[in-house]
mmCIF file of all heavy atoms, coordinates in Angstrom:
data_MODEL
# 
_entry.id   MODEL 
# 
loop_
_atom_site.group_PDB 
_atom_site.id 
_atom_site.type_symbol 
_atom_site.label_atom_id 
_atom_site.label_alt_id 
_atom_site.label_comp_id 
_atom_site.label_asym_id 
_atom_site.label_entity_id 
_atom_site.label_seq_id 
_atom_site.pdbx_PDB_ins_code 
_atom_site.Cartn_x 
_atom_site.Cartn_y 
_atom_site.Cartn_z 
_atom_site.occupancy 
_atom_site.B_iso_or_equiv 
_atom_site.pdbx_formal_charge 
_atom_site.auth_seq_id 
_atom_site.auth_comp_id 
_atom_site.auth_asym_id 
_atom_site.auth_atom_id 
_atom_site.pdbx_PDB_model_num 
ATOM 1   N N   . VAL A 1 1  ? 9.393  -29.746 22.786 1.00 0.00 ? 1  VAL A N   1 
ATOM 2   C CA  . VAL A 1 1  ? 10.323 -28.796 23.287 1.00 0.00 ? 1  VAL A CA  1 
ATOM 3   C C   . VAL A 1 1  ? 10.065 -27.541 22.571 1.00 0.00 ? 1  VAL A C   1 
ATOM 4   O O   . VAL A 1 1  ? 10.060 -27.495 21.295 1.00 0.00 ? 1  VAL A O   1 
ATOM 5   C CB  . VAL A 1 1  ? 11.707 -29.254 23.033 1.00 0.00 ? 1  VAL A CB  1 
ATOM 6   C CG1 . VAL A 1 1  ? 12.795 -28.205 23.522 1.00 0.00 ? 1  VAL A CG1 1 
ATOM 7   C CG2 . VAL A 1 1  ? 12.049 -30.591 23.784 1.00 0.00 ? 1  VAL A CG2 1 
ATOM 8   N N   . TYR A 1 2  ? 9.866  -26.478 23.281 1.00 0.00 ? 2  TYR A N   1 
ATOM 9   C CA  . TYR A 1 2  ? 9.581  -25.173 22.666 1.00 0.00 ? 2  TYR A CA  1 
ATOM 10  C C   . TYR A 1 2  ? 10.835 -24.335 22.665 1.00 0.00 ? 2  TYR A C   1 
ATOM 11  O O   . TYR A 1 2  ? 11.467 -24.167 23.675 1.00 0.00 ? 2  TYR A O   1 
ATOM 12  C CB  . TYR A 1 2  ? 8.441  -24.460 23.469 1.00 0.00 ? 2  TYR A CB  1 
ATOM 13  C CG  . TYR A 1 2  ? 7.055  -25.018 23.098 1.00 0.00 ? 2  TYR A CG  1 
ATOM 14  C CD1 . TYR A 1 2  ? 6.702  -26.279 23.540 1.00 0.00 ? 2  TYR A CD1 1 
ATOM 15  C CD2 . TYR A 1 2  ? 6.241  -24.403 22.280 1.00 0.00 ? 2  TYR A CD2 1 
ATOM 16  C CE1 . TYR A 1 2  ? 5.497  -26.875 23.262 1.00 0.00 ? 2  TYR A CE1 1 
ATOM 17  C CE2 . TYR A 1 2  ? 4.976  -24.800 22.024 1.00 0.00 ? 2  TYR A CE2 1 
ATOM 18  C CZ  . TYR A 1 2  ? 4.640  -26.170 22.392 1.00 0.00 ? 2  TYR A CZ  1 
ATOM 19  O OH  . TYR A 1 2  ? 3.386  -26.624 22.076 1.00 0.00 ? 2  TYR A OH  1 
ATOM 20  N N   . TYR A 1 3  ? 11.131 -23.644 21.537 1.00 0.00 ? 3  TYR A N   1 
ATOM 21  C CA  . TYR A 1 3  ? 12.305 -22.848 21.341 1.00 0.00 ? 3  TYR A CA  1 
ATOM 22  C C   . TYR A 1 3  ? 11.885 -21.421 20.926 1.00 0.00 ? 3  TYR A C   1 
ATOM 23  O O   . TYR A 1 3  ? 10.921 -21.215 20.200 1.00 0.00 ? 3  TYR A O   1 
ATOM 24  C CB  . TYR A 1 3  ? 13.164 -23.395 20.250 1.00 0.00 ? 3  TYR A CB  1 
ATOM 25  C CG  . TYR A 1 3  ? 13.725 -24.747 20.402 1.00 0.00 ? 3  TYR A CG  1 
ATOM 26  C CD1 . TYR A 1 3  ? 12.962 -25.883 20.011 1.00 0.00 ? 3  TYR A CD1 1 
ATOM 27  C CD2 . TYR A 1 3  ? 14.905 -24.922 21.061 1.00 0.00 ? 3  TYR A CD2 1 
ATOM 28  C CE1 . TYR A 1 3  ? 13.534 -27.174 20.207 1.00 0.00 ? 3  TYR A CE1 1 
ATOM 29  C CE2 . TYR A 1 3  ? 15.435 -26.229 21.197 1.00 0.00 ? 3  TYR A CE2 1 
ATOM 30  C CZ  . TYR A 1 3  ? 14.763 -27.245 20.734 1.00 0.00 ? 3  TYR A CZ  1 
ATOM 31  O OH  . TYR A 1 3  ? 15.295 -28.531 20.990 1.00 0.00 ? 3  TYR A OH  1 
ATOM 32  N N   . CYS A 1 4  ? 12.520 -20.439 21.519 1.00 0.00 ? 4  CYS A N   1 
ATOM 33  C CA  . CYS A 1 4  ? 12.312 -19.111 21.010 1.00 0.00 ? 4  CYS A CA  1 
ATOM 34  C C   . CYS A 1 4  ? 13.589 -18.783 20.127 1.00 0.00 ? 4  CYS A C   1 
ATOM 35  O O   . CYS A 1 4  ? 14.666 -19.384 20.273 1.00 0.00 ? 4  CYS A O   1 
ATOM 36  C CB  . CYS A 1 4  ? 12.295 -18.063 22.144 1.00 0.00 ? 4  CYS A CB  1 
ATOM 37  S SG  . CYS A 1 4  ? 13.747 -17.873 23.211 1.00 0.00 ? 4  CYS A SG  1 
ATOM 38  N N   . ALA A 1 5  ? 13.441 -17.879 19.145 1.00 0.00 ? 5  ALA A N   1 
ATOM 39  C CA  . ALA A 1 5  ? 14.506 -17.674 18.200 1.00 0.00 ? 5  ALA A CA  1 
ATOM 40  C C   . ALA A 1 5  ? 14.344 -16.184 17.865 1.00 0.00 ? 5  ALA A C   1 
ATOM 41  O O   . ALA A 1 5  ? 13.310 -15.577 17.759 1.00 0.00 ? 5  ALA A O   1 
ATOM 42  C CB  . ALA A 1 5  ? 14.310 -18.560 16.946 1.00 0.00 ? 5  ALA A CB  1 
ATOM 43  N N   . ALA A 1 6  ? 15.534 -15.614 17.500 1.00 0.00 ? 6  ALA A N   1 
ATOM 44  C CA  . ALA A 1 6  ? 15.696 -14.201 17.015 1.00 0.00 ? 6  ALA A CA  1 
ATOM 45  C C   . ALA A 1 6  ? 15.985 -14.215 15.617 1.00 0.00 ? 6  ALA A C   1 
ATOM 46  O O   . ALA A 1 6  ? 17.066 -14.741 15.178 1.00 0.00 ? 6  ALA A O   1 
ATOM 47  C CB  . ALA A 1 6  ? 16.651 -13.495 17.967 1.00 0.00 ? 6  ALA A CB  1 
ATOM 48  N N   . ARG A 1 7  ? 15.240 -13.314 14.920 1.00 0.00 ? 7  ARG A N   1 
ATOM 49  C CA  . ARG A 1 7  ? 15.510 -13.166 13.466 1.00 0.00 ? 7  ARG A CA  1 
ATOM 50  C C   . ARG A 1 7  ? 16.070 -11.694 13.208 1.00 0.00 ? 7  ARG A C   1 
ATOM 51  O O   . ARG A 1 7  ? 15.456 -10.717 13.709 1.00 0.00 ? 7  ARG A O   1 
ATOM 52  C CB  . ARG A 1 7  ? 14.254 -13.448 12.745 1.00 0.00 ? 7  ARG A CB  1 
ATOM 53  C CG  . ARG A 1 7  ? 14.173 -13.036 11.248 1.00 0.00 ? 7  ARG A CG  1 
ATOM 54  C CD  . ARG A 1 7  ? 12.818 -13.394 10.661 1.00 0.00 ? 7  ARG A CD  1 
ATOM 55  N NE  . ARG A 1 7  ? 12.475 -12.667 9.487  1.00 0.00 ? 7  ARG A NE  1 
ATOM 56  C CZ  . ARG A 1 7  ? 12.533 -13.105 8.207  1.00 0.00 ? 7  ARG A CZ  1 
ATOM 57  N NH1 . ARG A 1 7  ? 12.943 -14.278 8.012  1.00 0.00 ? 7  ARG A NH1 1 
ATOM 58  N NH2 . ARG A 1 7  ? 12.223 -12.301 7.205  1.00 0.00 ? 7  ARG A NH2 1 
ATOM 59  N N   . THR A 1 8  ? 17.201 -11.619 12.527 1.00 0.00 ? 8  THR A N   1 
ATOM 60  C CA  . THR A 1 8  ? 17.826 -10.322 12.316 1.00 0.00 ? 8  THR A CA  1 
ATOM 61  C C   . THR A 1 8  ? 17.689 -9.854  10.850 1.00 0.00 ? 8  THR A C   1 
ATOM 62  O O   . THR A 1 8  ? 18.118 -8.740  10.556 1.00 0.00 ? 8  THR A O   1 
ATOM 63  C CB  . THR A 1 8  ? 19.331 -10.337 12.642 1.00 0.00 ? 8  THR A CB  1 
ATOM 64  O OG1 . THR A 1 8  ? 19.945 -11.351 11.868 1.00 0.00 ? 8  THR A OG1 1 
ATOM 65  C CG2 . THR A 1 8  ? 19.418 -10.690 14.153 1.00 0.00 ? 8  THR A CG2 1 
ATOM 66  N N   . VAL A 1 9  ? 17.053 -10.640 9.982  1.00 0.00 ? 9  VAL A N   1 
ATOM 67  C CA  . VAL A 1 9  ? 16.876 -10.218 8.611  1.00 0.00 ? 9  VAL A CA  1 
ATOM 68  C C   . VAL A 1 9  ? 15.520 -9.989  8.325  1.00 0.00 ? 9  VAL A C   1 
ATOM 69  O O   . VAL A 1 9  ? 14.555 -10.323 9.079  1.00 0.00 ? 9  VAL A O   1 
ATOM 70  C CB  . VAL A 1 9  ? 17.443 -11.358 7.654  1.00 0.00 ? 9  VAL A CB  1 
ATOM 71  C CG1 . VAL A 1 9  ? 18.884 -11.524 7.876  1.00 0.00 ? 9  VAL A CG1 1 
ATOM 72  C CG2 . VAL A 1 9  ? 16.717 -12.574 7.796  1.00 0.00 ? 9  VAL A CG2 1 
ATOM 73  N N   . THR A 1 10 ? 15.149 -9.259  7.219  1.00 0.00 ? 10 THR A N   1 
ATOM 74  C CA  . THR A 1 10 ? 13.721 -8.958  6.823  1.00 0.00 ? 10 THR A CA  1 
ATOM 75  C C   . THR A 1 10 ? 13.333 -9.689  5.548  1.00 0.00 ? 10 THR A C   1 
ATOM 76  O O   . THR A 1 10 ? 12.132 -9.629  5.159  1.00 0.00 ? 10 THR A O   1 
ATOM 77  C CB  . THR A 1 10 ? 13.630 -7.510  6.627  1.00 0.00 ? 10 THR A CB  1 
ATOM 78  O OG1 . THR A 1 10 ? 14.450 -7.045  5.664  1.00 0.00 ? 10 THR A OG1 1 
ATOM 79  C CG2 . THR A 1 10 ? 13.867 -6.809  7.926  1.00 0.00 ? 10 THR A CG2 1 
ATOM 80  N N   . TYR A 1 11 ? 14.334 -10.317 4.914  1.00 0.00 ? 11 TYR A N   1 
ATOM 81  C CA  . TYR A 1 11 ? 13.915 -11.066 3.570  1.00 0.00 ? 11 TYR A CA  1 
ATOM 82  C C   . TYR A 1 11 ? 13.395 -12.389 3.893  1.00 0.00 ? 11 TYR A C   1 
ATOM 83  O O   . TYR A 1 11 ? 13.540 -12.847 5.047  1.00 0.00 ? 11 TYR A O   1 
ATOM 84  C CB  . TYR A 1 11 ? 15.158 -11.129 2.707  1.00 0.00 ? 11 TYR A CB  1 
ATOM 85  C CG  . TYR A 1 11 ? 16.410 -11.856 3.208  1.00 0.00 ? 11 TYR A CG  1 
ATOM 86  C CD1 . TYR A 1 11 ? 16.429 -13.242 3.249  1.00 0.00 ? 11 TYR A CD1 1 
ATOM 87  C CD2 . TYR A 1 11 ? 17.452 -11.103 3.796  1.00 0.00 ? 11 TYR A CD2 1 
ATOM 88  C CE1 . TYR A 1 11 ? 17.548 -13.946 3.816  1.00 0.00 ? 11 TYR A CE1 1 
ATOM 89  C CE2 . TYR A 1 11 ? 18.532 -11.798 4.278  1.00 0.00 ? 11 TYR A CE2 1 
ATOM 90  C CZ  . TYR A 1 11 ? 18.638 -13.105 4.341  1.00 0.00 ? 11 TYR A CZ  1 
ATOM 91  O OH  . TYR A 1 11 ? 19.693 -13.785 4.825  1.00 0.00 ? 11 TYR A OH  1 
ATOM 92  N N   . SER A 1 12 ? 12.767 -13.012 2.879  1.00 0.00 ? 12 SER A N   1 
ATOM 93  C CA  . SER A 1 12 ? 12.162 -14.323 3.004  1.00 0.00 ? 12 SER A CA  1 
ATOM 94  C C   . SER A 1 12 ? 11.043 -14.304 4.058  1.00 0.00 ? 12 SER A C   1 
ATOM 95  O O   . SER A 1 12 ? 10.610 -13.266 4.485  1.00 0.00 ? 12 SER A O   1 
ATOM 96  C CB  . SER A 1 12 ? 13.238 -15.399 3.410  1.00 0.00 ? 12 SER A CB  1 
ATOM 97  O OG  . SER A 1 12 ? 12.734 -16.670 3.286  1.00 0.00 ? 12 SER A OG  1 
ATOM 98  N N   . SER A 1 13 ? 10.612 -15.484 4.398  1.00 0.00 ? 13 SER A N   1 
ATOM 99  C CA  . SER A 1 13 ? 9.418  -15.542 5.375  1.00 0.00 ? 13 SER A CA  1 
ATOM 100 C C   . SER A 1 13 ? 9.933  -15.764 6.830  1.00 0.00 ? 13 SER A C   1 
ATOM 101 O O   . SER A 1 13 ? 10.764 -16.584 7.013  1.00 0.00 ? 13 SER A O   1 
ATOM 102 C CB  . SER A 1 13 ? 8.580  -16.727 4.859  1.00 0.00 ? 13 SER A CB  1 
ATOM 103 O OG  . SER A 1 13 ? 7.481  -16.856 5.788  1.00 0.00 ? 13 SER A OG  1 
ATOM 104 N N   . ALA A 1 14 ? 9.249  -15.164 7.727  1.00 0.00 ? 14 ALA A N   1 
ATOM 105 C CA  . ALA A 1 14 ? 9.534  -15.332 9.170  1.00 0.00 ? 14 ALA A CA  1 
ATOM 106 C C   . ALA A 1 14 ? 9.010  -16.697 9.652  1.00 0.00 ? 14 ALA A C   1 
ATOM 107 O O   . ALA A 1 14 ? 9.367  -17.125 10.807 1.00 0.00 ? 14 ALA A O   1 
ATOM 108 C CB  . ALA A 1 14 ? 8.840  -14.263 9.989  1.00 0.00 ? 14 ALA A CB  1 
ATOM 109 N N   . LEU A 1 15 ? 8.315  -17.442 8.785  1.00 0.00 ? 15 LEU A N   1 
ATOM 110 C CA  . LEU A 1 15 ? 7.886  -18.826 9.101  1.00 0.00 ? 15 LEU A CA  1 
ATOM 111 C C   . LEU A 1 15 ? 8.980  -19.789 9.013  1.00 0.00 ? 15 LEU A C   1 
ATOM 112 O O   . LEU A 1 15 ? 8.883  -20.922 9.473  1.00 0.00 ? 15 LEU A O   1 
ATOM 113 C CB  . LEU A 1 15 ? 6.668  -19.179 8.250  1.00 0.00 ? 15 LEU A CB  1 
ATOM 114 C CG  . LEU A 1 15 ? 5.263  -18.688 8.715  1.00 0.00 ? 15 LEU A CG  1 
ATOM 115 C CD1 . LEU A 1 15 ? 5.156  -17.213 8.667  1.00 0.00 ? 15 LEU A CD1 1 
ATOM 116 C CD2 . LEU A 1 15 ? 4.223  -19.381 7.832  1.00 0.00 ? 15 LEU A CD2 1 
ATOM 117 N N   . ASN A 1 16 ? 10.060 -19.471 8.322  1.00 0.00 ? 16 ASN A N   1 
ATOM 118 C CA  . ASN A 1 16 ? 11.121 -20.338 7.969  1.00 0.00 ? 16 ASN A CA  1 
ATOM 119 C C   . ASN A 1 16 ? 12.184 -20.364 9.091  1.00 0.00 ? 16 ASN A C   1 
ATOM 120 O O   . ASN A 1 16 ? 12.750 -19.319 9.318  1.00 0.00 ? 16 ASN A O   1 
ATOM 121 C CB  . ASN A 1 16 ? 11.814 -20.011 6.683  1.00 0.00 ? 16 ASN A CB  1 
ATOM 122 C CG  . ASN A 1 16 ? 10.873 -20.202 5.490  1.00 0.00 ? 16 ASN A CG  1 
ATOM 123 O OD1 . ASN A 1 16 ? 10.039 -21.070 5.505  1.00 0.00 ? 16 ASN A OD1 1 
ATOM 124 N ND2 . ASN A 1 16 ? 11.031 -19.394 4.454  1.00 0.00 ? 16 ASN A ND2 1 
ATOM 125 N N   . ALA A 1 17 ? 12.367 -21.443 9.796  1.00 0.00 ? 17 ALA A N   1 
ATOM 126 C CA  . ALA A 1 17 ? 13.398 -21.507 10.852 1.00 0.00 ? 17 ALA A CA  1 
ATOM 127 C C   . ALA A 1 17 ? 14.755 -21.204 10.462 1.00 0.00 ? 17 ALA A C   1 
ATOM 128 O O   . ALA A 1 17 ? 15.531 -20.672 11.216 1.00 0.00 ? 17 ALA A O   1 
ATOM 129 C CB  . ALA A 1 17 ? 13.339 -22.986 11.466 1.00 0.00 ? 17 ALA A CB  1 
ATOM 130 N N   . ALA A 1 18 ? 15.095 -21.391 9.212  1.00 0.00 ? 18 ALA A N   1 
ATOM 131 C CA  . ALA A 1 18 ? 16.405 -21.207 8.658  1.00 0.00 ? 18 ALA A CA  1 
ATOM 132 C C   . ALA A 1 18 ? 16.811 -19.766 8.691  1.00 0.00 ? 18 ALA A C   1 
ATOM 133 O O   . ALA A 1 18 ? 17.988 -19.341 8.563  1.00 0.00 ? 18 ALA A O   1 
ATOM 134 C CB  . ALA A 1 18 ? 16.619 -21.790 7.288  1.00 0.00 ? 18 ALA A CB  1 
ATOM 135 N N   . THR A 1 19 ? 15.864 -18.831 8.706  1.00 0.00 ? 19 THR A N   1 
ATOM 136 C CA  . THR A 1 19 ? 16.068 -17.461 8.677  1.00 0.00 ? 19 THR A CA  1 
ATOM 137 C C   . THR A 1 19 ? 16.343 -16.823 10.108 1.00 0.00 ? 19 THR A C   1 
ATOM 138 O O   . THR A 1 19 ? 16.591 -15.649 10.200 1.00 0.00 ? 19 THR A O   1 
ATOM 139 C CB  . THR A 1 19 ? 14.997 -16.610 8.014  1.00 0.00 ? 19 THR A CB  1 
ATOM 140 O OG1 . THR A 1 19 ? 13.734 -16.731 8.877  1.00 0.00 ? 19 THR A OG1 1 
ATOM 141 C CG2 . THR A 1 19 ? 14.616 -17.201 6.620  1.00 0.00 ? 19 THR A CG2 1 
ATOM 142 N N   . TYR A 1 20 ? 16.245 -17.660 11.106 1.00 0.00 ? 20 TYR A N   1 
ATOM 143 C CA  . TYR A 1 20 ? 16.568 -17.209 12.441 1.00 0.00 ? 20 TYR A CA  1 
ATOM 144 C C   . TYR A 1 20 ? 17.992 -17.546 12.823 1.00 0.00 ? 20 TYR A C   1 
ATOM 145 O O   . TYR A 1 20 ? 18.327 -18.666 12.854 1.00 0.00 ? 20 TYR A O   1 
ATOM 146 C CB  . TYR A 1 20 ? 15.578 -17.793 13.495 1.00 0.00 ? 20 TYR A CB  1 
ATOM 147 C CG  . TYR A 1 20 ? 14.137 -17.360 13.336 1.00 0.00 ? 20 TYR A CG  1 
ATOM 148 C CD1 . TYR A 1 20 ? 13.307 -17.749 12.259 1.00 0.00 ? 20 TYR A CD1 1 
ATOM 149 C CD2 . TYR A 1 20 ? 13.569 -16.383 14.213 1.00 0.00 ? 20 TYR A CD2 1 
ATOM 150 C CE1 . TYR A 1 20 ? 11.996 -17.239 12.111 1.00 0.00 ? 20 TYR A CE1 1 
ATOM 151 C CE2 . TYR A 1 20 ? 12.304 -15.915 14.067 1.00 0.00 ? 20 TYR A CE2 1 
ATOM 152 C CZ  . TYR A 1 20 ? 11.560 -16.371 13.074 1.00 0.00 ? 20 TYR A CZ  1 
ATOM 153 O OH  . TYR A 1 20 ? 10.237 -15.822 12.930 1.00 0.00 ? 20 TYR A OH  1 
ATOM 154 N N   . ALA A 1 21 ? 18.684 -16.477 13.280 1.00 0.00 ? 21 ALA A N   1 
ATOM 155 C CA  . ALA A 1 21 ? 20.107 -16.691 13.560 1.00 0.00 ? 21 ALA A CA  1 
ATOM 156 C C   . ALA A 1 21 ? 20.498 -17.095 15.005 1.00 0.00 ? 21 ALA A C   1 
ATOM 157 O O   . ALA A 1 21 ? 21.522 -17.722 15.186 1.00 0.00 ? 21 ALA A O   1 
ATOM 158 C CB  . ALA A 1 21 ? 20.849 -15.386 13.274 1.00 0.00 ? 21 ALA A CB  1 
ATOM 159 N N   . HIS A 1 22 ? 19.551 -16.861 15.908 1.00 0.00 ? 22 HIS A N   1 
ATOM 160 C CA  . HIS A 1 22 ? 19.797 -17.112 17.314 1.00 0.00 ? 22 HIS A CA  1 
ATOM 161 C C   . HIS A 1 22 ? 18.723 -17.902 17.894 1.00 0.00 ? 22 HIS A C   1 
ATOM 162 O O   . HIS A 1 22 ? 17.537 -17.620 17.688 1.00 0.00 ? 22 HIS A O   1 
ATOM 163 C CB  . HIS A 1 22 ? 20.124 -15.785 18.104 1.00 0.00 ? 22 HIS A CB  1 
ATOM 164 C CG  . HIS A 1 22 ? 21.101 -14.853 17.420 1.00 0.00 ? 22 HIS A CG  1 
ATOM 165 N ND1 . HIS A 1 22 ? 22.336 -15.076 17.520 1.00 0.00 ? 22 HIS A ND1 1 
ATOM 166 C CD2 . HIS A 1 22 ? 20.919 -13.775 16.706 1.00 0.00 ? 22 HIS A CD2 1 
ATOM 167 C CE1 . HIS A 1 22 ? 23.052 -14.183 16.927 1.00 0.00 ? 22 HIS A CE1 1 
ATOM 168 N NE2 . HIS A 1 22 ? 22.252 -13.343 16.376 1.00 0.00 ? 22 HIS A NE2 1 
ATOM 169 N N   . TRP A 1 23 ? 19.104 -18.858 18.677 1.00 0.00 ? 23 TRP A N   1 
ATOM 170 C CA  . TRP A 1 23 ? 18.102 -19.785 19.311 1.00 0.00 ? 23 TRP A CA  1 
ATOM 171 C C   . TRP A 1 23 ? 18.400 -20.010 20.730 1.00 0.00 ? 23 TRP A C   1 
ATOM 172 O O   . TRP A 1 23 ? 19.528 -19.994 21.263 1.00 0.00 ? 23 TRP A O   1 
ATOM 173 C CB  . TRP A 1 23 ? 18.124 -21.067 18.608 1.00 0.00 ? 23 TRP A CB  1 
ATOM 174 C CG  . TRP A 1 23 ? 17.749 -21.117 17.162 1.00 0.00 ? 23 TRP A CG  1 
ATOM 175 C CD1 . TRP A 1 23 ? 18.453 -20.744 16.077 1.00 0.00 ? 23 TRP A CD1 1 
ATOM 176 C CD2 . TRP A 1 23 ? 16.391 -21.486 16.712 1.00 0.00 ? 23 TRP A CD2 1 
ATOM 177 N NE1 . TRP A 1 23 ? 17.700 -20.822 15.022 1.00 0.00 ? 23 TRP A NE1 1 
ATOM 178 C CE2 . TRP A 1 23 ? 16.502 -21.281 15.291 1.00 0.00 ? 23 TRP A CE2 1 
ATOM 179 C CE3 . TRP A 1 23 ? 15.295 -21.992 17.290 1.00 0.00 ? 23 TRP A CE3 1 
ATOM 180 C CZ2 . TRP A 1 23 ? 15.262 -21.500 14.513 1.00 0.00 ? 23 TRP A CZ2 1 
ATOM 181 C CZ3 . TRP A 1 23 ? 14.184 -22.227 16.555 1.00 0.00 ? 23 TRP A CZ3 1 
ATOM 182 C CH2 . TRP A 1 23 ? 14.187 -22.033 15.114 1.00 0.00 ? 23 TRP A CH2 1 
ATOM 183 N N   . GLY A 1 24 ? 17.298 -20.181 21.547 1.00 0.00 ? 24 GLY A N   1 
ATOM 184 C CA  . GLY A 1 24 ? 17.395 -20.614 22.921 1.00 0.00 ? 24 GLY A CA  1 
ATOM 185 C C   . GLY A 1 24 ? 17.712 -22.076 23.076 1.00 0.00 ? 24 GLY A C   1 
ATOM 186 O O   . GLY A 1 24 ? 17.704 -22.864 22.013 1.00 0.00 ? 24 GLY A O   1 
# 
């Protein structure tokens, strides 16, 4: 299952799912 996600912060790594606040 493929998900897109939106990240609103710039800290930490964009590879970490926990830093994405919004998900499809």
